[in-house]
Amino acid sequence: MVKFQKKAIIFDLDGVICFTDKFHYQAWKALADRLGIYFDKEINDRLRGVSRMASLEIILEQSGREYTREEKETFASWKNGTYQKLLKSMSPMDLSGEVKDTLVSLRNRGYKLAIGSSSRNTKLILGQIGLGNFFDAVADGTDITRSKPDPEVFLLAAQKLGFVPADCAVVEDAKAGIEAAKAGSMTALALFGDAKGCGLEDYDLACFSNLLDIF
């Protein structure tokens, strides 16, 4: 079994710690229906790990017209409001026992743990699932100007933890996140999604608790 000598582990949120894909899909679908734009799960898959405004641009590709910046900001705000209402239904029951136990074990082993997510709703989600004050650092969409595959969010998380990139590993479910981790000179661990088998990752995790075997 491969072993990694690291001091910190940075986790993507959605698709790694918990799953809010269904809420994103419902909110984007509601917006697309409102605008009369075709939207399906295949298009939704292209939004994984992508910022809100970049996601909106992908959805608007299906439209036959151009929109002003103000209109786009209104659309993004409406989608987020819808999404936040859906998130309110989340609870600690949405955090699996495997994830919770693994995180606690990693902390007990002395690792510093952080979240690196492009989502602007990161803190809301963490609070809903009972991890509001758990992580040593949180870097999210409210802190950055460039979304993955740019490494900004992971570099910021490492900075908040007080470690250089080489001391950090990143756990991701999206290829864009793996690209961001590698661009930031961090060890990239793939879990689920198109991160696994993308060819850029340093290791494919069999499951979340597999972290306890390699750290």
N, C-alpha and C. Protein backbone atom coordinates (compact mmCIF):
# COMPACT_ATOMS: atom_id res chain seq x y z
N MET A 1 0.85 -1.20 0.00
CA MET A 1 0.00 0.00 0.00
C MET A 1 0.88 1.25 0.00
N VAL A 2 0.60 2.16 -0.92
CA VAL A 2 1.36 3.40 -1.00
C VAL A 2 1.11 4.24 0.25
N LYS A 3 2.15 4.97 0.68
CA LYS A 3 2.03 5.85 1.84
C LYS A 3 2.47 7.25 1.44
N PHE A 4 1.77 8.25 1.96
CA PHE A 4 2.11 9.64 1.68
C PHE A 4 2.52 10.34 2.96
N GLN A 5 3.63 11.05 2.90
CA GLN A 5 4.11 11.81 4.05
C GLN A 5 3.68 13.27 3.88
N LYS A 6 2.58 13.61 4.48
CA LYS A 6 2.04 14.96 4.39
C LYS A 6 1.68 15.46 5.78
N LYS A 7 1.49 16.78 5.88
CA LYS A 7 1.11 17.38 7.15
C LYS A 7 -0.34 17.86 7.15
N ALA A 8 -0.89 18.03 5.96
CA ALA A 8 -2.25 18.57 5.85
C ALA A 8 -3.00 17.94 4.70
N ILE A 9 -4.32 17.87 4.85
CA ILE A 9 -5.17 17.32 3.80
C ILE A 9 -6.28 18.34 3.53
N ILE A 10 -6.43 18.70 2.27
CA ILE A 10 -7.44 19.67 1.86
C ILE A 10 -8.52 18.94 1.07
N PHE A 11 -9.76 19.13 1.47
CA PHE A 11 -10.88 18.42 0.86
C PHE A 11 -11.75 19.36 0.04
N ASP A 12 -12.12 18.91 -1.16
CA ASP A 12 -13.23 19.54 -1.83
C ASP A 12 -14.47 19.22 -1.00
N LEU A 13 -15.51 20.01 -1.14
CA LEU A 13 -16.70 19.79 -0.31
C LEU A 13 -17.73 18.90 -1.01
N ASP A 14 -18.34 19.44 -2.04
CA ASP A 14 -19.43 18.73 -2.71
C ASP A 14 -18.88 17.55 -3.51
N GLY A 15 -19.39 16.37 -3.23
CA GLY A 15 -18.93 15.18 -3.92
C GLY A 15 -17.83 14.45 -3.20
N VAL A 16 -17.32 15.06 -2.13
CA VAL A 16 -16.26 14.44 -1.33
C VAL A 16 -16.70 14.30 0.12
N ILE A 17 -16.99 15.43 0.77
CA ILE A 17 -17.46 15.41 2.16
C ILE A 17 -18.96 15.11 2.21
N CYS A 18 -19.70 15.70 1.31
CA CYS A 18 -21.14 15.47 1.24
C CYS A 18 -21.57 15.62 -0.21
N PHE A 19 -22.86 15.43 -0.45
CA PHE A 19 -23.36 15.46 -1.83
C PHE A 19 -24.55 16.40 -1.95
N THR A 20 -24.36 17.45 -2.72
CA THR A 20 -25.45 18.40 -2.96
C THR A 20 -25.78 18.48 -4.45
N ASP A 21 -25.29 17.53 -5.23
CA ASP A 21 -25.52 17.54 -6.67
C ASP A 21 -27.00 17.68 -7.02
N LYS A 22 -27.83 16.96 -6.29
CA LYS A 22 -29.26 16.97 -6.63
C LYS A 22 -29.87 18.35 -6.44
N PHE A 23 -29.36 19.09 -5.44
CA PHE A 23 -29.88 20.44 -5.20
C PHE A 23 -29.40 21.41 -6.28
N HIS A 24 -28.11 21.26 -6.67
CA HIS A 24 -27.61 22.09 -7.77
C HIS A 24 -28.43 21.84 -9.03
N TYR A 25 -28.65 20.57 -9.32
CA TYR A 25 -29.39 20.21 -10.53
C TYR A 25 -30.79 20.81 -10.50
N GLN A 26 -31.48 20.66 -9.37
CA GLN A 26 -32.85 21.17 -9.26
C GLN A 26 -32.89 22.68 -9.44
N ALA A 27 -31.91 23.37 -8.85
CA ALA A 27 -31.90 24.84 -8.94
C ALA A 27 -31.56 25.32 -10.34
N TRP A 28 -30.56 24.69 -10.97
CA TRP A 28 -30.21 25.08 -12.34
C TRP A 28 -31.34 24.73 -13.30
N LYS A 29 -31.98 23.58 -13.08
CA LYS A 29 -33.09 23.18 -13.95
C LYS A 29 -34.25 24.16 -13.83
N ALA A 30 -34.51 24.62 -12.61
CA ALA A 30 -35.58 25.59 -12.39
C ALA A 30 -35.29 26.89 -13.14
N LEU A 31 -34.01 27.31 -13.10
CA LEU A 31 -33.63 28.53 -13.82
C LEU A 31 -33.75 28.33 -15.33
N ALA A 32 -33.24 27.21 -15.81
CA ALA A 32 -33.30 26.94 -17.25
C ALA A 32 -34.75 26.89 -17.73
N ASP A 33 -35.62 26.25 -16.96
CA ASP A 33 -37.04 26.19 -17.33
C ASP A 33 -37.65 27.58 -17.36
N ARG A 34 -37.23 28.40 -16.40
CA ARG A 34 -37.75 29.77 -16.32
C ARG A 34 -37.35 30.57 -17.55
N LEU A 35 -36.15 30.28 -18.09
CA LEU A 35 -35.64 31.01 -19.25
C LEU A 35 -35.98 30.32 -20.56
N GLY A 36 -36.60 29.13 -20.48
CA GLY A 36 -36.94 28.39 -21.69
C GLY A 36 -35.73 27.81 -22.38
N ILE A 37 -34.73 27.41 -21.59
CA ILE A 37 -33.47 26.86 -22.11
C ILE A 37 -33.38 25.38 -21.80
N TYR A 38 -32.96 24.59 -22.76
CA TYR A 38 -32.82 23.15 -22.54
C TYR A 38 -31.71 22.86 -21.54
N PHE A 39 -31.98 21.95 -20.61
CA PHE A 39 -31.00 21.58 -19.59
C PHE A 39 -31.25 20.14 -19.18
N ASP A 40 -30.18 19.34 -19.15
CA ASP A 40 -30.33 17.96 -18.71
C ASP A 40 -29.14 17.57 -17.83
N LYS A 41 -29.11 16.31 -17.39
CA LYS A 41 -28.08 15.87 -16.46
C LYS A 41 -26.70 15.81 -17.12
N GLU A 42 -26.67 15.62 -18.43
CA GLU A 42 -25.38 15.63 -19.14
C GLU A 42 -24.75 17.01 -19.08
N ILE A 43 -25.56 18.04 -19.29
CA ILE A 43 -25.06 19.41 -19.17
C ILE A 43 -24.67 19.68 -17.73
N ASN A 44 -25.48 19.21 -16.80
CA ASN A 44 -25.21 19.41 -15.38
C ASN A 44 -23.85 18.82 -14.98
N ASP A 45 -23.49 17.68 -15.59
CA ASP A 45 -22.20 17.06 -15.27
C ASP A 45 -21.02 17.95 -15.64
N ARG A 46 -21.21 18.84 -16.60
CA ARG A 46 -20.14 19.75 -17.00
C ARG A 46 -19.91 20.85 -15.97
N LEU A 47 -20.81 20.97 -15.01
CA LEU A 47 -20.72 22.04 -14.02
C LEU A 47 -19.94 21.64 -12.78
N ARG A 48 -19.50 20.37 -12.70
CA ARG A 48 -18.81 19.88 -11.52
C ARG A 48 -17.51 20.65 -11.29
N GLY A 49 -17.36 21.21 -10.10
CA GLY A 49 -16.15 21.93 -9.74
C GLY A 49 -15.99 23.29 -10.39
N VAL A 50 -17.05 23.76 -11.05
CA VAL A 50 -17.00 25.02 -11.79
C VAL A 50 -17.74 26.10 -11.00
N SER A 51 -17.25 27.34 -11.07
CA SER A 51 -17.87 28.43 -10.33
C SER A 51 -19.29 28.71 -10.82
N ARG A 52 -20.04 29.46 -10.02
CA ARG A 52 -21.44 29.74 -10.35
C ARG A 52 -21.58 30.47 -11.69
N MET A 53 -20.79 31.52 -11.89
CA MET A 53 -20.91 32.29 -13.12
C MET A 53 -20.44 31.49 -14.32
N ALA A 54 -19.39 30.70 -14.15
CA ALA A 54 -18.91 29.86 -15.25
C ALA A 54 -19.95 28.79 -15.58
N SER A 55 -20.62 28.27 -14.55
CA SER A 55 -21.70 27.30 -14.77
C SER A 55 -22.84 27.93 -15.56
N LEU A 56 -23.18 29.16 -15.20
CA LEU A 56 -24.25 29.86 -15.90
C LEU A 56 -23.92 30.02 -17.38
N GLU A 57 -22.66 30.35 -17.67
CA GLU A 57 -22.26 30.52 -19.07
C GLU A 57 -22.44 29.21 -19.84
N ILE A 58 -22.15 28.09 -19.21
CA ILE A 58 -22.34 26.79 -19.87
C ILE A 58 -23.81 26.56 -20.18
N ILE A 59 -24.67 26.89 -19.22
CA ILE A 59 -26.11 26.70 -19.42
C ILE A 59 -26.64 27.62 -20.52
N LEU A 60 -26.14 28.85 -20.55
CA LEU A 60 -26.62 29.82 -21.54
C LEU A 60 -26.14 29.50 -22.95
N GLU A 61 -25.23 28.54 -23.09
CA GLU A 61 -24.81 28.10 -24.43
C GLU A 61 -26.01 27.58 -25.22
N GLN A 62 -27.01 27.06 -24.48
CA GLN A 62 -28.19 26.48 -25.12
C GLN A 62 -29.20 27.54 -25.56
N SER A 63 -28.94 28.78 -25.19
CA SER A 63 -29.86 29.86 -25.53
C SER A 63 -29.53 30.44 -26.90
N GLY A 64 -30.54 30.96 -27.55
CA GLY A 64 -30.32 31.55 -28.87
C GLY A 64 -30.10 33.05 -28.83
N ARG A 65 -29.87 33.60 -27.63
CA ARG A 65 -29.69 35.05 -27.52
C ARG A 65 -28.56 35.39 -26.56
N GLU A 66 -28.17 36.66 -26.60
CA GLU A 66 -27.14 37.15 -25.70
C GLU A 66 -27.80 37.83 -24.50
N TYR A 67 -27.11 37.79 -23.38
CA TYR A 67 -27.62 38.42 -22.16
C TYR A 67 -26.61 39.44 -21.64
N THR A 68 -27.12 40.48 -21.01
CA THR A 68 -26.24 41.50 -20.44
C THR A 68 -25.61 40.96 -19.16
N ARG A 69 -24.57 41.63 -18.70
CA ARG A 69 -23.92 41.25 -17.46
C ARG A 69 -24.91 41.34 -16.29
N GLU A 70 -25.74 42.37 -16.32
CA GLU A 70 -26.71 42.56 -15.25
C GLU A 70 -27.73 41.42 -15.24
N GLU A 71 -28.17 41.01 -16.42
CA GLU A 71 -29.11 39.89 -16.50
C GLU A 71 -28.48 38.62 -15.95
N LYS A 72 -27.23 38.38 -16.33
CA LYS A 72 -26.54 37.17 -15.87
C LYS A 72 -26.39 37.17 -14.35
N GLU A 73 -26.09 38.31 -13.79
CA GLU A 73 -25.96 38.40 -12.34
C GLU A 73 -27.30 38.14 -11.65
N THR A 74 -28.37 38.61 -12.27
CA THR A 74 -29.71 38.36 -11.74
C THR A 74 -30.04 36.88 -11.80
N PHE A 75 -29.71 36.24 -12.92
CA PHE A 75 -29.95 34.80 -13.07
C PHE A 75 -29.18 34.00 -12.01
N ALA A 76 -27.90 34.34 -11.84
CA ALA A 76 -27.05 33.62 -10.89
C ALA A 76 -27.57 33.80 -9.47
N SER A 77 -28.02 35.01 -9.15
CA SER A 77 -28.55 35.28 -7.82
C SER A 77 -29.84 34.50 -7.58
N TRP A 78 -30.70 34.42 -8.59
CA TRP A 78 -31.95 33.68 -8.46
C TRP A 78 -31.67 32.20 -8.25
N LYS A 79 -30.74 31.66 -9.03
CA LYS A 79 -30.37 30.25 -8.88
C LYS A 79 -29.85 29.99 -7.48
N ASN A 80 -28.98 30.87 -6.99
CA ASN A 80 -28.39 30.65 -5.67
C ASN A 80 -29.44 30.72 -4.57
N GLY A 81 -30.38 31.62 -4.71
CA GLY A 81 -31.44 31.71 -3.72
C GLY A 81 -32.27 30.43 -3.68
N THR A 82 -32.55 29.88 -4.86
CA THR A 82 -33.29 28.62 -4.94
C THR A 82 -32.48 27.49 -4.33
N TYR A 83 -31.19 27.46 -4.65
CA TYR A 83 -30.28 26.43 -4.13
C TYR A 83 -30.18 26.50 -2.61
N GLN A 84 -30.06 27.70 -2.06
CA GLN A 84 -29.94 27.86 -0.62
C GLN A 84 -31.19 27.37 0.11
N LYS A 85 -32.34 27.61 -0.49
CA LYS A 85 -33.58 27.12 0.12
C LYS A 85 -33.57 25.59 0.18
N LEU A 86 -33.06 24.96 -0.87
CA LEU A 86 -32.98 23.50 -0.90
C LEU A 86 -31.97 22.98 0.12
N LEU A 87 -30.87 23.73 0.30
CA LEU A 87 -29.83 23.32 1.25
C LEU A 87 -30.34 23.28 2.68
N LYS A 88 -31.35 24.09 2.97
CA LYS A 88 -31.88 24.15 4.33
C LYS A 88 -32.48 22.81 4.78
N SER A 89 -32.70 21.92 3.83
CA SER A 89 -33.23 20.61 4.18
C SER A 89 -32.12 19.65 4.62
N MET A 90 -30.86 20.05 4.47
CA MET A 90 -29.75 19.20 4.87
C MET A 90 -29.60 19.19 6.39
N SER A 91 -29.00 18.11 6.90
CA SER A 91 -28.80 17.96 8.33
C SER A 91 -27.57 17.09 8.56
N PRO A 92 -27.15 16.90 9.81
CA PRO A 92 -26.03 15.99 10.09
C PRO A 92 -26.26 14.58 9.56
N MET A 93 -27.50 14.22 9.26
CA MET A 93 -27.78 12.91 8.68
C MET A 93 -27.21 12.79 7.27
N ASP A 94 -26.90 13.93 6.64
CA ASP A 94 -26.32 13.92 5.30
C ASP A 94 -24.80 13.75 5.32
N LEU A 95 -24.23 13.62 6.50
CA LEU A 95 -22.80 13.33 6.64
C LEU A 95 -22.67 11.85 6.99
N SER A 96 -22.02 11.09 6.15
CA SER A 96 -21.94 9.65 6.39
C SER A 96 -21.05 9.35 7.59
N GLY A 97 -21.33 8.23 8.23
CA GLY A 97 -20.51 7.81 9.36
C GLY A 97 -19.08 7.56 8.95
N GLU A 98 -18.88 7.04 7.74
CA GLU A 98 -17.53 6.78 7.24
C GLU A 98 -16.72 8.06 7.14
N VAL A 99 -17.33 9.10 6.57
CA VAL A 99 -16.62 10.37 6.42
C VAL A 99 -16.32 10.98 7.78
N LYS A 100 -17.30 11.01 8.65
CA LYS A 100 -17.11 11.61 9.97
C LYS A 100 -16.02 10.88 10.76
N ASP A 101 -16.09 9.56 10.79
CA ASP A 101 -15.11 8.78 11.55
C ASP A 101 -13.71 8.93 10.97
N THR A 102 -13.61 8.99 9.66
CA THR A 102 -12.30 9.14 9.01
C THR A 102 -11.69 10.50 9.32
N LEU A 103 -12.50 11.55 9.25
CA LEU A 103 -12.01 12.89 9.56
C LEU A 103 -11.51 12.97 11.00
N VAL A 104 -12.26 12.40 11.93
CA VAL A 104 -11.86 12.42 13.34
C VAL A 104 -10.56 11.64 13.53
N SER A 105 -10.42 10.50 12.86
CA SER A 105 -9.21 9.70 12.98
C SER A 105 -8.00 10.43 12.42
N LEU A 106 -8.18 11.10 11.28
CA LEU A 106 -7.07 11.86 10.68
C LEU A 106 -6.63 12.98 11.62
N ARG A 107 -7.59 13.67 12.22
CA ARG A 107 -7.25 14.73 13.16
C ARG A 107 -6.51 14.16 14.37
N ASN A 108 -6.96 13.02 14.87
CA ASN A 108 -6.31 12.39 16.02
C ASN A 108 -4.89 11.95 15.70
N ARG A 109 -4.61 11.71 14.42
CA ARG A 109 -3.27 11.33 13.99
C ARG A 109 -2.36 12.54 13.79
N GLY A 110 -2.92 13.72 13.98
CA GLY A 110 -2.11 14.94 13.93
C GLY A 110 -2.17 15.72 12.64
N TYR A 111 -3.02 15.32 11.71
CA TYR A 111 -3.11 16.05 10.45
C TYR A 111 -3.99 17.29 10.60
N LYS A 112 -3.59 18.35 9.89
CA LYS A 112 -4.42 19.54 9.80
C LYS A 112 -5.36 19.35 8.60
N LEU A 113 -6.61 19.72 8.78
CA LEU A 113 -7.62 19.47 7.76
C LEU A 113 -8.27 20.77 7.31
N ALA A 114 -8.49 20.88 6.01
CA ALA A 114 -9.09 22.10 5.46
C ALA A 114 -10.07 21.76 4.35
N ILE A 115 -10.92 22.73 4.06
CA ILE A 115 -11.82 22.66 2.91
C ILE A 115 -11.31 23.63 1.85
N GLY A 116 -11.31 23.17 0.61
CA GLY A 116 -10.98 24.03 -0.53
C GLY A 116 -12.07 23.86 -1.57
N SER A 117 -13.03 24.77 -1.59
CA SER A 117 -14.20 24.62 -2.45
C SER A 117 -14.51 25.92 -3.18
N SER A 118 -14.94 25.80 -4.42
CA SER A 118 -15.32 26.98 -5.19
C SER A 118 -16.69 27.51 -4.80
N SER A 119 -17.43 26.74 -4.00
CA SER A 119 -18.79 27.13 -3.63
C SER A 119 -18.81 28.31 -2.67
N ARG A 120 -19.70 29.24 -2.92
CA ARG A 120 -19.91 30.37 -2.01
C ARG A 120 -20.82 29.97 -0.85
N ASN A 121 -21.37 28.78 -0.92
CA ASN A 121 -22.26 28.29 0.13
C ASN A 121 -21.57 27.30 1.06
N THR A 122 -20.26 27.24 1.00
CA THR A 122 -19.51 26.25 1.77
C THR A 122 -19.83 26.30 3.26
N LYS A 123 -19.77 27.48 3.83
CA LYS A 123 -19.99 27.60 5.29
C LYS A 123 -21.42 27.23 5.66
N LEU A 124 -22.37 27.57 4.82
CA LEU A 124 -23.76 27.18 5.07
C LEU A 124 -23.90 25.66 5.08
N ILE A 125 -23.31 25.01 4.08
CA ILE A 125 -23.40 23.56 3.99
C ILE A 125 -22.73 22.89 5.18
N LEU A 126 -21.53 23.35 5.52
CA LEU A 126 -20.82 22.77 6.67
C LEU A 126 -21.65 22.89 7.94
N GLY A 127 -22.29 24.02 8.11
CA GLY A 127 -23.13 24.22 9.29
C GLY A 127 -24.32 23.28 9.30
N GLN A 128 -24.92 23.08 8.14
CA GLN A 128 -26.09 22.21 8.04
C GLN A 128 -25.76 20.76 8.38
N ILE A 129 -24.55 20.30 8.00
CA ILE A 129 -24.21 18.89 8.21
C ILE A 129 -23.43 18.67 9.51
N GLY A 130 -23.30 19.72 10.33
CA GLY A 130 -22.69 19.57 11.63
C GLY A 130 -21.18 19.71 11.68
N LEU A 131 -20.59 20.30 10.62
CA LEU A 131 -19.13 20.48 10.59
C LEU A 131 -18.75 21.96 10.56
N GLY A 132 -19.62 22.80 11.07
CA GLY A 132 -19.40 24.24 10.99
C GLY A 132 -18.09 24.72 11.57
N ASN A 133 -17.63 24.10 12.65
CA ASN A 133 -16.39 24.53 13.30
C ASN A 133 -15.34 23.43 13.35
N PHE A 134 -15.48 22.44 12.47
CA PHE A 134 -14.59 21.28 12.54
C PHE A 134 -13.23 21.52 11.90
N PHE A 135 -13.20 22.11 10.72
CA PHE A 135 -11.96 22.20 9.95
C PHE A 135 -11.04 23.30 10.46
N ASP A 136 -9.73 23.05 10.28
CA ASP A 136 -8.73 24.02 10.73
C ASP A 136 -8.69 25.25 9.84
N ALA A 137 -9.15 25.12 8.62
CA ALA A 137 -9.21 26.26 7.70
C ALA A 137 -10.25 25.97 6.63
N VAL A 138 -10.87 27.04 6.14
CA VAL A 138 -11.84 26.92 5.04
C VAL A 138 -11.52 28.01 4.02
N ALA A 139 -11.30 27.58 2.79
CA ALA A 139 -11.13 28.50 1.66
C ALA A 139 -12.26 28.18 0.68
N ASP A 140 -13.03 29.19 0.30
CA ASP A 140 -14.17 28.91 -0.56
C ASP A 140 -14.37 30.02 -1.59
N GLY A 141 -15.51 29.94 -2.26
CA GLY A 141 -15.78 30.87 -3.35
C GLY A 141 -15.88 32.32 -2.95
N THR A 142 -16.05 32.59 -1.65
CA THR A 142 -16.09 33.98 -1.19
C THR A 142 -14.70 34.57 -1.05
N ASP A 143 -13.67 33.72 -1.14
CA ASP A 143 -12.29 34.16 -0.93
C ASP A 143 -11.49 34.32 -2.22
N ILE A 144 -12.00 33.78 -3.32
CA ILE A 144 -11.18 33.67 -4.52
C ILE A 144 -11.79 34.41 -5.70
N THR A 145 -10.97 34.63 -6.71
CA THR A 145 -11.43 35.27 -7.94
C THR A 145 -11.34 34.32 -9.13
N ARG A 146 -10.63 33.21 -8.95
CA ARG A 146 -10.46 32.24 -10.04
C ARG A 146 -10.86 30.85 -9.54
N SER A 147 -11.71 30.18 -10.27
CA SER A 147 -12.18 28.86 -9.87
C SER A 147 -11.28 27.77 -10.45
N LYS A 148 -11.44 26.55 -9.96
CA LYS A 148 -10.70 25.41 -10.48
C LYS A 148 -10.96 25.27 -11.98
N PRO A 149 -9.97 24.93 -12.78
CA PRO A 149 -8.70 24.30 -12.46
C PRO A 149 -7.57 25.23 -12.00
N ASP A 150 -7.87 26.51 -11.79
CA ASP A 150 -6.85 27.38 -11.19
C ASP A 150 -6.62 26.91 -9.75
N PRO A 151 -5.38 26.90 -9.28
CA PRO A 151 -5.08 26.39 -7.94
C PRO A 151 -5.35 27.36 -6.80
N GLU A 152 -5.90 28.54 -7.09
CA GLU A 152 -6.02 29.59 -6.08
C GLU A 152 -6.65 29.11 -4.77
N VAL A 153 -7.77 28.38 -4.85
CA VAL A 153 -8.48 28.01 -3.63
C VAL A 153 -7.65 27.05 -2.77
N PHE A 154 -6.90 26.15 -3.40
CA PHE A 154 -6.07 25.22 -2.64
C PHE A 154 -4.83 25.90 -2.06
N LEU A 155 -4.26 26.81 -2.83
CA LEU A 155 -3.11 27.56 -2.31
C LEU A 155 -3.51 28.42 -1.12
N LEU A 156 -4.71 28.98 -1.19
CA LEU A 156 -5.20 29.79 -0.07
C LEU A 156 -5.44 28.92 1.16
N ALA A 157 -6.01 27.74 0.95
CA ALA A 157 -6.24 26.81 2.07
C ALA A 157 -4.92 26.43 2.73
N ALA A 158 -3.90 26.15 1.92
CA ALA A 158 -2.59 25.81 2.47
C ALA A 158 -2.01 26.98 3.25
N GLN A 159 -2.18 28.18 2.70
CA GLN A 159 -1.69 29.38 3.38
C GLN A 159 -2.38 29.57 4.72
N LYS A 160 -3.70 29.36 4.76
CA LYS A 160 -4.44 29.50 6.01
C LYS A 160 -4.00 28.47 7.04
N LEU A 161 -3.61 27.30 6.56
CA LEU A 161 -3.13 26.25 7.46
C LEU A 161 -1.70 26.50 7.93
N GLY A 162 -0.97 27.30 7.15
CA GLY A 162 0.42 27.60 7.48
C GLY A 162 1.42 26.62 6.91
N PHE A 163 1.04 25.94 5.81
CA PHE A 163 1.92 24.96 5.19
C PHE A 163 2.22 25.32 3.75
N VAL A 164 3.39 24.87 3.26
CA VAL A 164 3.73 25.03 1.85
C VAL A 164 2.97 23.96 1.07
N PRO A 165 2.73 24.17 -0.23
CA PRO A 165 1.97 23.21 -1.03
C PRO A 165 2.50 21.77 -0.96
N ALA A 166 3.80 21.60 -0.91
CA ALA A 166 4.38 20.26 -0.90
C ALA A 166 3.98 19.46 0.33
N ASP A 167 3.55 20.14 1.39
CA ASP A 167 3.13 19.47 2.62
C ASP A 167 1.67 19.05 2.57
N CYS A 168 0.97 19.37 1.48
CA CYS A 168 -0.47 19.18 1.43
C CYS A 168 -0.90 18.16 0.38
N ALA A 169 -1.94 17.42 0.72
CA ALA A 169 -2.63 16.55 -0.23
C ALA A 169 -4.04 17.08 -0.42
N VAL A 170 -4.58 16.87 -1.61
CA VAL A 170 -5.93 17.33 -1.94
C VAL A 170 -6.79 16.13 -2.31
N VAL A 171 -8.02 16.09 -1.80
CA VAL A 171 -8.97 15.03 -2.14
C VAL A 171 -10.06 15.65 -3.00
N GLU A 172 -10.23 15.13 -4.21
CA GLU A 172 -11.15 15.72 -5.18
C GLU A 172 -11.97 14.66 -5.91
N ASP A 173 -13.15 15.07 -6.37
CA ASP A 173 -13.97 14.19 -7.19
C ASP A 173 -14.09 14.68 -8.62
N ALA A 174 -13.50 15.84 -8.92
CA ALA A 174 -13.60 16.43 -10.26
C ALA A 174 -12.23 16.56 -10.90
N LYS A 175 -12.18 16.30 -12.20
CA LYS A 175 -10.91 16.43 -12.93
C LYS A 175 -10.36 17.84 -12.79
N ALA A 176 -11.24 18.85 -12.83
CA ALA A 176 -10.79 20.24 -12.69
C ALA A 176 -10.11 20.45 -11.34
N GLY A 177 -10.58 19.76 -10.31
CA GLY A 177 -9.96 19.86 -9.00
C GLY A 177 -8.61 19.18 -8.96
N ILE A 178 -8.49 18.05 -9.64
CA ILE A 178 -7.19 17.36 -9.74
C ILE A 178 -6.20 18.26 -10.47
N GLU A 179 -6.64 18.89 -11.54
CA GLU A 179 -5.78 19.81 -12.30
C GLU A 179 -5.33 20.96 -11.41
N ALA A 180 -6.25 21.46 -10.58
CA ALA A 180 -5.92 22.57 -9.68
C ALA A 180 -4.89 22.14 -8.65
N ALA A 181 -5.06 20.95 -8.09
CA ALA A 181 -4.12 20.46 -7.09
C ALA A 181 -2.72 20.31 -7.69
N LYS A 182 -2.64 19.74 -8.88
CA LYS A 182 -1.34 19.55 -9.53
C LYS A 182 -0.72 20.89 -9.92
N ALA A 183 -1.56 21.83 -10.36
CA ALA A 183 -1.05 23.16 -10.71
C ALA A 183 -0.50 23.87 -9.49
N GLY A 184 -1.02 23.51 -8.30
CA GLY A 184 -0.57 24.09 -7.05
C GLY A 184 0.55 23.31 -6.39
N SER A 185 1.08 22.31 -7.11
CA SER A 185 2.20 21.48 -6.61
C SER A 185 1.83 20.69 -5.37
N MET A 186 0.58 20.19 -5.33
CA MET A 186 0.11 19.37 -4.22
C MET A 186 -0.17 17.95 -4.70
N THR A 187 -0.14 17.00 -3.78
CA THR A 187 -0.48 15.63 -4.10
C THR A 187 -1.98 15.54 -4.34
N ALA A 188 -2.38 14.93 -5.45
CA ALA A 188 -3.79 14.89 -5.84
C ALA A 188 -4.35 13.49 -5.67
N LEU A 189 -5.39 13.37 -4.84
CA LEU A 189 -6.05 12.10 -4.58
C LEU A 189 -7.45 12.14 -5.16
N ALA A 190 -7.78 11.17 -6.00
CA ALA A 190 -9.06 11.15 -6.70
C ALA A 190 -10.05 10.24 -6.00
N LEU A 191 -11.25 10.77 -5.77
CA LEU A 191 -12.34 10.02 -5.15
C LEU A 191 -13.62 10.29 -5.92
N PHE A 192 -14.15 9.26 -6.57
CA PHE A 192 -15.40 9.38 -7.32
C PHE A 192 -15.25 10.26 -8.56
N GLY A 193 -16.35 10.46 -9.25
CA GLY A 193 -16.43 11.40 -10.36
C GLY A 193 -15.42 11.19 -11.47
N ASP A 194 -15.21 12.25 -12.26
CA ASP A 194 -14.27 12.15 -13.36
C ASP A 194 -12.84 12.41 -12.91
N ALA A 195 -12.64 12.54 -11.60
CA ALA A 195 -11.27 12.66 -11.07
C ALA A 195 -10.57 11.31 -11.17
N LYS A 196 -11.29 10.24 -10.85
CA LYS A 196 -10.71 8.91 -10.88
C LYS A 196 -10.41 8.48 -12.31
N GLY A 197 -9.17 8.07 -12.52
CA GLY A 197 -8.79 7.59 -13.83
C GLY A 197 -8.55 8.67 -14.86
N CYS A 198 -8.48 9.93 -14.41
CA CYS A 198 -8.27 11.01 -15.38
C CYS A 198 -6.84 11.06 -15.88
N GLY A 199 -5.94 10.37 -15.16
CA GLY A 199 -4.55 10.29 -15.61
C GLY A 199 -3.62 11.34 -15.02
N LEU A 200 -4.20 12.26 -14.25
CA LEU A 200 -3.40 13.32 -13.64
C LEU A 200 -3.20 13.11 -12.14
N GLU A 201 -4.03 12.26 -11.55
CA GLU A 201 -4.02 12.07 -10.10
C GLU A 201 -2.80 11.25 -9.66
N ASP A 202 -2.41 11.44 -8.41
CA ASP A 202 -1.31 10.67 -7.84
C ASP A 202 -1.79 9.34 -7.27
N TYR A 203 -3.09 9.28 -6.93
CA TYR A 203 -3.61 8.05 -6.34
C TYR A 203 -5.13 8.06 -6.44
N ASP A 204 -5.70 6.89 -6.76
CA ASP A 204 -7.15 6.73 -6.79
C ASP A 204 -7.60 6.09 -5.49
N LEU A 205 -8.43 6.78 -4.74
CA LEU A 205 -8.96 6.25 -3.49
C LEU A 205 -10.10 5.27 -3.77
N ALA A 206 -10.08 4.13 -3.09
CA ALA A 206 -11.16 3.16 -3.25
C ALA A 206 -12.42 3.64 -2.55
N CYS A 207 -12.25 4.36 -1.46
CA CYS A 207 -13.36 4.90 -0.67
C CYS A 207 -12.78 5.97 0.24
N PHE A 208 -13.63 6.70 0.92
CA PHE A 208 -13.14 7.80 1.77
C PHE A 208 -12.23 7.29 2.89
N SER A 209 -12.61 6.19 3.51
CA SER A 209 -11.81 5.66 4.62
C SER A 209 -10.47 5.11 4.17
N ASN A 210 -10.26 4.97 2.86
CA ASN A 210 -8.97 4.55 2.32
C ASN A 210 -7.87 5.53 2.71
N LEU A 211 -8.27 6.75 3.07
CA LEU A 211 -7.30 7.76 3.54
C LEU A 211 -6.53 7.26 4.76
N LEU A 212 -7.17 6.47 5.58
CA LEU A 212 -6.51 5.97 6.79
C LEU A 212 -5.46 4.92 6.49
N ASP A 213 -5.51 4.37 5.27
CA ASP A 213 -4.50 3.39 4.87
C ASP A 213 -3.25 4.04 4.29
N ILE A 214 -3.41 5.24 3.76
CA ILE A 214 -2.27 5.86 3.07
C ILE A 214 -1.66 7.03 3.84
N PHE A 215 -2.28 7.41 4.95
CA PHE A 215 -1.72 8.46 5.80
C PHE A 215 -1.45 7.93 7.21
